[in-house]
Amino acid sequence: MSKPEIHPTWFKESPVFFDGKLICYVGSTKPKLTVDVWLQNHPFYTDSQTVIDTEGRVERFMKKYGLGSTES
């Protein structure tokens, strides 16, 4: 038998808010949840994700420090 005084209160339908608007209800130990990022504004799902170009890093390093070629 579990001890009732050590477990947090469970809320079956806690509202989830984004930007002051109700999104959905979920089970939680908190009575109200506020999120900053969710499916509708996440960069991965909205195709607004930017890809960082990391090509040429070695060449830039070599040029910056005047090391010339990488051949031994």
PDB file of N, CA and C in Angstrom:
ATOM      1  N   MET A   1       0.844  -1.193   0.000  1.00  0.00           N
ATOM      2  CA  MET A   1       0.000   0.000   0.000  1.00  0.00           C
ATOM      3  C   MET A   1       0.882   1.246   0.000  1.00  0.00           C
ATOM      4  N   SER A   2       0.621   2.167  -0.918  1.00  0.00           N
ATOM      5  CA  SER A   2       1.412   3.393  -1.001  1.00  0.00           C
ATOM      6  C   SER A   2       0.976   4.400   0.057  1.00  0.00           C
ATOM      7  N   LYS A   3       1.919   5.229   0.438  1.00  0.00           N
ATOM      8  CA  LYS A   3       1.635   6.249   1.446  1.00  0.00           C
ATOM      9  C   LYS A   3       0.988   7.454   0.767  1.00  0.00           C
ATOM     10  N   PRO A   4      -0.178   7.866   1.204  1.00  0.00           N
ATOM     11  CA  PRO A   4      -0.876   8.971   0.534  1.00  0.00           C
ATOM     12  C   PRO A   4      -0.216  10.334   0.722  1.00  0.00           C
ATOM     13  N   GLU A   5       0.560  10.545   1.766  1.00  0.00           N
ATOM     14  CA  GLU A   5       1.126  11.873   2.009  1.00  0.00           C
ATOM     15  C   GLU A   5       2.418  12.158   1.243  1.00  0.00           C
ATOM     16  N   ILE A   6       2.970  11.182   0.515  1.00  0.00           N
ATOM     17  CA  ILE A   6       4.213  11.438  -0.221  1.00  0.00           C
ATOM     18  C   ILE A   6       4.005  11.654  -1.712  1.00  0.00           C
ATOM     19  N   HIS A   7       2.832  11.417  -2.231  1.00  0.00           N
ATOM     20  CA  HIS A   7       2.578  11.554  -3.659  1.00  0.00           C
ATOM     21  C   HIS A   7       1.943  12.906  -3.964  1.00  0.00           C
ATOM     22  N   PRO A   8       2.321  13.529  -5.085  1.00  0.00           N
ATOM     23  CA  PRO A   8       1.720  14.817  -5.448  1.00  0.00           C
ATOM     24  C   PRO A   8       0.268  14.628  -5.886  1.00  0.00           C
ATOM     25  N   THR A   9      -0.471  15.694  -5.829  1.00  0.00           N
ATOM     26  CA  THR A   9      -1.861  15.676  -6.284  1.00  0.00           C
ATOM     27  C   THR A   9      -1.890  15.536  -7.796  1.00  0.00           C
ATOM     28  N   TRP A  10      -2.732  14.658  -8.316  1.00  0.00           N
ATOM     29  CA  TRP A  10      -2.833  14.417  -9.754  1.00  0.00           C
ATOM     30  C   TRP A  10      -4.084  15.102 -10.291  1.00  0.00           C
ATOM     31  N   PHE A  11      -3.907  15.926 -11.287  1.00  0.00           N
ATOM     32  CA  PHE A  11      -5.017  16.612 -11.941  1.00  0.00           C
ATOM     33  C   PHE A  11      -5.263  15.899 -13.266  1.00  0.00           C
ATOM     34  N   LYS A  12      -6.432  15.327 -13.441  1.00  0.00           N
ATOM     35  CA  LYS A  12      -6.733  14.553 -14.653  1.00  0.00           C
ATOM     36  C   LYS A  12      -6.806  15.420 -15.896  1.00  0.00           C
ATOM     37  N   GLU A  13      -7.325  16.615 -15.765  1.00  0.00           N
ATOM     38  CA  GLU A  13      -7.469  17.499 -16.927  1.00  0.00           C
ATOM     39  C   GLU A  13      -6.901  18.882 -16.623  1.00  0.00           C
ATOM     40  N   SER A  14      -5.598  18.998 -16.742  1.00  0.00           N
ATOM     41  CA  SER A  14      -4.937  20.289 -16.567  1.00  0.00           C
ATOM     42  C   SER A  14      -4.911  21.006 -17.912  1.00  0.00           C
ATOM     43  N   PRO A  15      -5.362  22.248 -17.961  1.00  0.00           N
ATOM     44  CA  PRO A  15      -5.328  22.970 -19.238  1.00  0.00           C
ATOM     45  C   PRO A  15      -3.903  23.365 -19.615  1.00  0.00           C
ATOM     46  N   VAL A  16      -3.590  23.277 -20.906  1.00  0.00           N
ATOM     47  CA  VAL A  16      -2.295  23.687 -21.438  1.00  0.00           C
ATOM     48  C   VAL A  16      -2.521  24.946 -22.261  1.00  0.00           C
ATOM     49  N   PHE A  17      -1.785  26.021 -21.908  1.00  0.00           N
ATOM     50  CA  PHE A  17      -1.935  27.304 -22.583  1.00  0.00           C
ATOM     51  C   PHE A  17      -0.670  27.669 -23.346  1.00  0.00           C
ATOM     52  N   PHE A  18      -0.858  28.262 -24.516  1.00  0.00           N
ATOM     53  CA  PHE A  18       0.229  28.842 -25.287  1.00  0.00           C
ATOM     54  C   PHE A  18      -0.208  30.238 -25.706  1.00  0.00           C
ATOM     55  N   ASP A  19       0.580  31.230 -25.339  1.00  0.00           N
ATOM     56  CA  ASP A  19       0.291  32.613 -25.697  1.00  0.00           C
ATOM     57  C   ASP A  19      -1.097  33.034 -25.232  1.00  0.00           C
ATOM     58  N   GLY A  20      -1.498  32.542 -24.069  1.00  0.00           N
ATOM     59  CA  GLY A  20      -2.788  32.892 -23.491  1.00  0.00           C
ATOM     60  C   GLY A  20      -3.975  32.141 -24.073  1.00  0.00           C
ATOM     61  N   LYS A  21      -3.740  31.240 -25.015  1.00  0.00           N
ATOM     62  CA  LYS A  21      -4.819  30.490 -25.656  1.00  0.00           C
ATOM     63  C   LYS A  21      -4.785  29.041 -25.194  1.00  0.00           C
ATOM     64  N   LEU A  22      -5.951  28.485 -24.955  1.00  0.00           N
ATOM     65  CA  LEU A  22      -6.067  27.095 -24.536  1.00  0.00           C
ATOM     66  C   LEU A  22      -5.755  26.176 -25.715  1.00  0.00           C
ATOM     67  N   ILE A  23      -4.824  25.225 -25.500  1.00  0.00           N
ATOM     68  CA  ILE A  23      -4.439  24.296 -26.554  1.00  0.00           C
ATOM     69  C   ILE A  23      -5.132  22.952 -26.366  1.00  0.00           C
ATOM     70  N   CYS A  24      -4.990  22.379 -25.167  1.00  0.00           N
ATOM     71  CA  CYS A  24      -5.554  21.065 -24.899  1.00  0.00           C
ATOM     72  C   CYS A  24      -5.575  20.820 -23.396  1.00  0.00           C
ATOM     73  N   TYR A  25      -6.012  19.641 -23.020  1.00  0.00           N
ATOM     74  CA  TYR A  25      -6.011  19.210 -21.627  1.00  0.00           C
ATOM     75  C   TYR A  25      -5.167  17.943 -21.518  1.00  0.00           C
ATOM     76  N   VAL A  26      -4.348  17.878 -20.458  1.00  0.00           N
ATOM     77  CA  VAL A  26      -3.525  16.701 -20.206  1.00  0.00           C
ATOM     78  C   VAL A  26      -3.527  16.396 -18.715  1.00  0.00           C
ATOM     79  N   GLY A  27      -3.119  15.188 -18.369  1.00  0.00           N
ATOM     80  CA  GLY A  27      -2.945  14.840 -16.972  1.00  0.00           C
ATOM     81  C   GLY A  27      -1.627  15.386 -16.465  1.00  0.00           C
ATOM     82  N   SER A  28      -1.619  15.964 -15.264  1.00  0.00           N
ATOM     83  CA  SER A  28      -0.405  16.587 -14.752  1.00  0.00           C
ATOM     84  C   SER A  28      -0.467  16.709 -13.239  1.00  0.00           C
ATOM     85  N   THR A  29       0.677  16.985 -12.646  1.00  0.00           N
ATOM     86  CA  THR A  29       0.726  17.267 -11.212  1.00  0.00           C
ATOM     87  C   THR A  29       0.554  18.758 -10.943  1.00  0.00           C
ATOM     88  N   LYS A  30       0.403  19.548 -12.002  1.00  0.00           N
ATOM     89  CA  LYS A  30       0.167  20.983 -11.870  1.00  0.00           C
ATOM     90  C   LYS A  30      -1.240  21.301 -12.369  1.00  0.00           C
ATOM     91  N   PRO A  31      -1.922  22.238 -11.737  1.00  0.00           N
ATOM     92  CA  PRO A  31      -3.295  22.547 -12.152  1.00  0.00           C
ATOM     93  C   PRO A  31      -3.398  23.274 -13.491  1.00  0.00           C
ATOM     94  N   LYS A  32      -2.329  23.979 -13.898  1.00  0.00           N
ATOM     95  CA  LYS A  32      -2.337  24.740 -15.147  1.00  0.00           C
ATOM     96  C   LYS A  32      -0.934  24.705 -15.733  1.00  0.00           C
ATOM     97  N   LEU A  33      -0.814  24.492 -17.037  1.00  0.00           N
ATOM     98  CA  LEU A  33       0.483  24.453 -17.707  1.00  0.00           C
ATOM     99  C   LEU A  33       0.547  25.539 -18.768  1.00  0.00           C
ATOM    100  N   THR A  34       1.703  26.186 -18.884  1.00  0.00           N
ATOM    101  CA  THR A  34       1.953  27.180 -19.914  1.00  0.00           C
ATOM    102  C   THR A  34       3.204  26.753 -20.668  1.00  0.00           C
ATOM    103  N   VAL A  35       3.113  26.687 -21.990  1.00  0.00           N
ATOM    104  CA  VAL A  35       4.245  26.260 -22.809  1.00  0.00           C
ATOM    105  C   VAL A  35       4.706  27.395 -23.712  1.00  0.00           C
ATOM    106  N   ASP A  36       6.003  27.378 -24.049  1.00  0.00           N
ATOM    107  CA  ASP A  36       6.577  28.386 -24.940  1.00  0.00           C
ATOM    108  C   ASP A  36       6.637  27.885 -26.377  1.00  0.00           C
ATOM    109  N   VAL A  37       6.840  26.573 -26.555  1.00  0.00           N
ATOM    110  CA  VAL A  37       6.959  25.976 -27.879  1.00  0.00           C
ATOM    111  C   VAL A  37       6.041  24.767 -27.928  1.00  0.00           C
ATOM    112  N   TRP A  38       5.323  24.636 -29.026  1.00  0.00           N
ATOM    113  CA  TRP A  38       4.491  23.452 -29.230  1.00  0.00           C
ATOM    114  C   TRP A  38       4.424  23.140 -30.706  1.00  0.00           C
ATOM    115  N   LEU A  39       3.717  22.144 -31.096  1.00  0.00           N
ATOM    116  CA  LEU A  39       3.701  21.631 -32.460  1.00  0.00           C
ATOM    117  C   LEU A  39       3.449  22.703 -33.514  1.00  0.00           C
ATOM    118  N   GLN A  40       2.560  23.631 -33.286  1.00  0.00           N
ATOM    119  CA  GLN A  40       2.191  24.618 -34.301  1.00  0.00           C
ATOM    120  C   GLN A  40       3.227  25.723 -34.501  1.00  0.00           C
ATOM    121  N   ASN A  41       4.164  25.913 -33.553  1.00  0.00           N
ATOM    122  CA  ASN A  41       5.162  26.970 -33.752  1.00  0.00           C
ATOM    123  C   ASN A  41       6.592  26.454 -33.656  1.00  0.00           C
ATOM    124  N   HIS A  42       6.782  25.145 -33.590  1.00  0.00           N
ATOM    125  CA  HIS A  42       8.135  24.580 -33.518  1.00  0.00           C
ATOM    126  C   HIS A  42       8.783  24.649 -34.897  1.00  0.00           C
ATOM    127  N   PRO A  43      10.038  25.126 -34.988  1.00  0.00           N
ATOM    128  CA  PRO A  43      10.697  25.292 -36.291  1.00  0.00           C
ATOM    129  C   PRO A  43      10.788  24.001 -37.114  1.00  0.00           C
ATOM    130  N   PHE A  44      10.938  22.866 -36.467  1.00  0.00           N
ATOM    131  CA  PHE A  44      11.047  21.605 -37.200  1.00  0.00           C
ATOM    132  C   PHE A  44       9.761  21.289 -37.960  1.00  0.00           C
ATOM    133  N   TYR A  45       8.620  21.544 -37.341  1.00  0.00           N
ATOM    134  CA  TYR A  45       7.343  21.205 -37.950  1.00  0.00           C
ATOM    135  C   TYR A  45       6.793  22.294 -38.865  1.00  0.00           C
ATOM    136  N   THR A  46       7.283  23.513 -38.749  1.00  0.00           N
ATOM    137  CA  THR A  46       6.770  24.613 -39.569  1.00  0.00           C
ATOM    138  C   THR A  46       7.669  24.921 -40.759  1.00  0.00           C
ATOM    139  N   ASP A  47       8.698  24.098 -41.000  1.00  0.00           N
ATOM    140  CA  ASP A  47       9.642  24.282 -42.106  1.00  0.00           C
ATOM    141  C   ASP A  47      10.363  25.620 -42.055  1.00  0.00           C
ATOM    142  N   SER A  48      10.502  26.205 -40.879  1.00  0.00           N
ATOM    143  CA  SER A  48      11.259  27.452 -40.763  1.00  0.00           C
ATOM    144  C   SER A  48      12.614  27.191 -40.120  1.00  0.00           C
ATOM    145  N   GLN A  49      12.997  25.926 -40.031  1.00  0.00           N
ATOM    146  CA  GLN A  49      14.280  25.570 -39.450  1.00  0.00           C
ATOM    147  C   GLN A  49      15.400  25.942 -40.413  1.00  0.00           C
ATOM    148  N   THR A  50      16.446  26.559 -39.890  1.00  0.00           N
ATOM    149  CA  THR A  50      17.571  26.940 -40.726  1.00  0.00           C
ATOM    150  C   THR A  50      18.703  25.941 -40.529  1.00  0.00           C
ATOM    151  N   VAL A  51      19.379  25.630 -41.606  1.00  0.00           N
ATOM    152  CA  VAL A  51      20.504  24.711 -41.560  1.00  0.00           C
ATOM    153  C   VAL A  51      21.781  25.545 -41.546  1.00  0.00           C
ATOM    154  N   ILE A  52      22.644  25.267 -40.583  1.00  0.00           N
ATOM    155  CA  ILE A  52      23.892  26.016 -40.466  1.00  0.00           C
ATOM    156  C   ILE A  52      24.928  25.369 -41.375  1.00  0.00           C
ATOM    157  N   ASP A  53      25.503  26.172 -42.227  1.00  0.00           N
ATOM    158  CA  ASP A  53      26.503  25.678 -43.171  1.00  0.00           C
ATOM    159  C   ASP A  53      27.849  25.581 -42.457  1.00  0.00           C
ATOM    160  N   THR A  54      28.359  24.369 -42.303  1.00  0.00           N
ATOM    161  CA  THR A  54      29.632  24.175 -41.617  1.00  0.00           C
ATOM    162  C   THR A  54      30.728  23.732 -42.565  1.00  0.00           C
ATOM    163  N   GLU A  55      30.468  23.753 -43.871  1.00  0.00           N
ATOM    164  CA  GLU A  55      31.486  23.364 -44.833  1.00  0.00           C
ATOM    165  C   GLU A  55      32.593  24.407 -44.870  1.00  0.00           C
ATOM    166  N   GLY A  56      33.804  23.956 -45.080  1.00  0.00           N
ATOM    167  CA  GLY A  56      34.923  24.867 -45.203  1.00  0.00           C
ATOM    168  C   GLY A  56      35.519  25.301 -43.883  1.00  0.00           C
ATOM    169  N   ARG A  57      35.173  24.669 -42.792  1.00  0.00           N
ATOM    170  CA  ARG A  57      35.705  25.076 -41.497  1.00  0.00           C
ATOM    171  C   ARG A  57      37.210  24.844 -41.415  1.00  0.00           C
ATOM    172  N   VAL A  58      37.654  23.699 -41.915  1.00  0.00           N
ATOM    173  CA  VAL A  58      39.088  23.403 -41.884  1.00  0.00           C
ATOM    174  C   VAL A  58      39.846  24.381 -42.768  1.00  0.00           C
ATOM    175  N   GLU A  59      39.310  24.649 -43.956  1.00  0.00           N
ATOM    176  CA  GLU A  59      39.964  25.572 -44.876  1.00  0.00           C
ATOM    177  C   GLU A  59      40.044  26.974 -44.276  1.00  0.00           C
ATOM    178  N   ARG A  60      39.001  27.421 -43.626  1.00  0.00           N
ATOM    179  CA  ARG A  60      39.023  28.742 -42.991  1.00  0.00           C
ATOM    180  C   ARG A  60      40.067  28.788 -41.875  1.00  0.00           C
ATOM    181  N   PHE A  61      40.168  27.700 -41.102  1.00  0.00           N
ATOM    182  CA  PHE A  61      41.153  27.627 -40.038  1.00  0.00           C
ATOM    183  C   PHE A  61      42.563  27.706 -40.606  1.00  0.00           C
ATOM    184  N   MET A  62      42.794  26.916 -41.643  1.00  0.00           N
ATOM    185  CA  MET A  62      44.129  26.894 -42.265  1.00  0.00           C
ATOM    186  C   MET A  62      44.486  28.273 -42.830  1.00  0.00           C
ATOM    187  N   LYS A  63      43.525  28.936 -43.460  1.00  0.00           N
ATOM    188  CA  LYS A  63      43.768  30.243 -44.047  1.00  0.00           C
ATOM    189  C   LYS A  63      43.995  31.292 -42.952  1.00  0.00           C
ATOM    190  N   LYS A  64      43.216  31.199 -41.882  1.00  0.00           N
ATOM    191  CA  LYS A  64      43.316  32.167 -40.787  1.00  0.00           C
ATOM    192  C   LYS A  64      44.698  32.131 -40.142  1.00  0.00           C
ATOM    193  N   TYR A  65      45.240  30.954 -39.958  1.00  0.00           N
ATOM    194  CA  TYR A  65      46.520  30.817 -39.279  1.00  0.00           C
ATOM    195  C   TYR A  65      47.690  30.607 -40.254  1.00  0.00           C
ATOM    196  N   GLY A  66      47.432  30.756 -41.542  1.00  0.00           N
ATOM    197  CA  GLY A  66      48.475  30.691 -42.548  1.00  0.00           C
ATOM    198  C   GLY A  66      49.208  29.359 -42.583  1.00  0.00           C
ATOM    199  N   LEU A  67      48.499  28.282 -42.443  1.00  0.00           N
ATOM    200  CA  LEU A  67      49.133  26.971 -42.398  1.00  0.00           C
ATOM    201  C   LEU A  67      49.264  26.337 -43.769  1.00  0.00           C
ATOM    202  N   GLY A  68      48.738  26.916 -44.794  1.00  0.00           N
ATOM    203  CA  GLY A  68      48.853  26.390 -46.151  1.00  0.00           C
ATOM    204  C   GLY A  68      48.092  25.101 -46.350  1.00  0.00           C
ATOM    205  N   SER A  69      48.764  24.083 -46.857  1.00  0.00           N
ATOM    206  CA  SER A  69      48.078  22.825 -47.162  1.00  0.00           C
ATOM    207  C   SER A  69      48.135  21.891 -45.959  1.00  0.00           C
ATOM    208  N   THR A  70      47.316  20.816 -46.014  1.00  0.00           N
ATOM    209  CA  THR A  70      47.257  19.837 -44.923  1.00  0.00           C
ATOM    210  C   THR A  70      48.137  18.642 -45.203  1.00  0.00           C
ATOM    211  N   GLU A  71      48.900  18.659 -46.338  1.00  0.00           N
ATOM    212  CA  GLU A  71      49.766  17.531 -46.685  1.00  0.00           C
ATOM    213  C   GLU A  71      51.024  17.532 -45.819  1.00  0.00           C
ATOM    214  N   SER A  72      51.539  16.345 -45.490  1.00  0.00           N
ATOM    215  CA  SER A  72      52.725  16.230 -44.652  1.00  0.00           C
ATOM    216  C   SER A  72      53.993  16.282 -45.464  1.00  0.00           C
TER     217      SER A  72
END
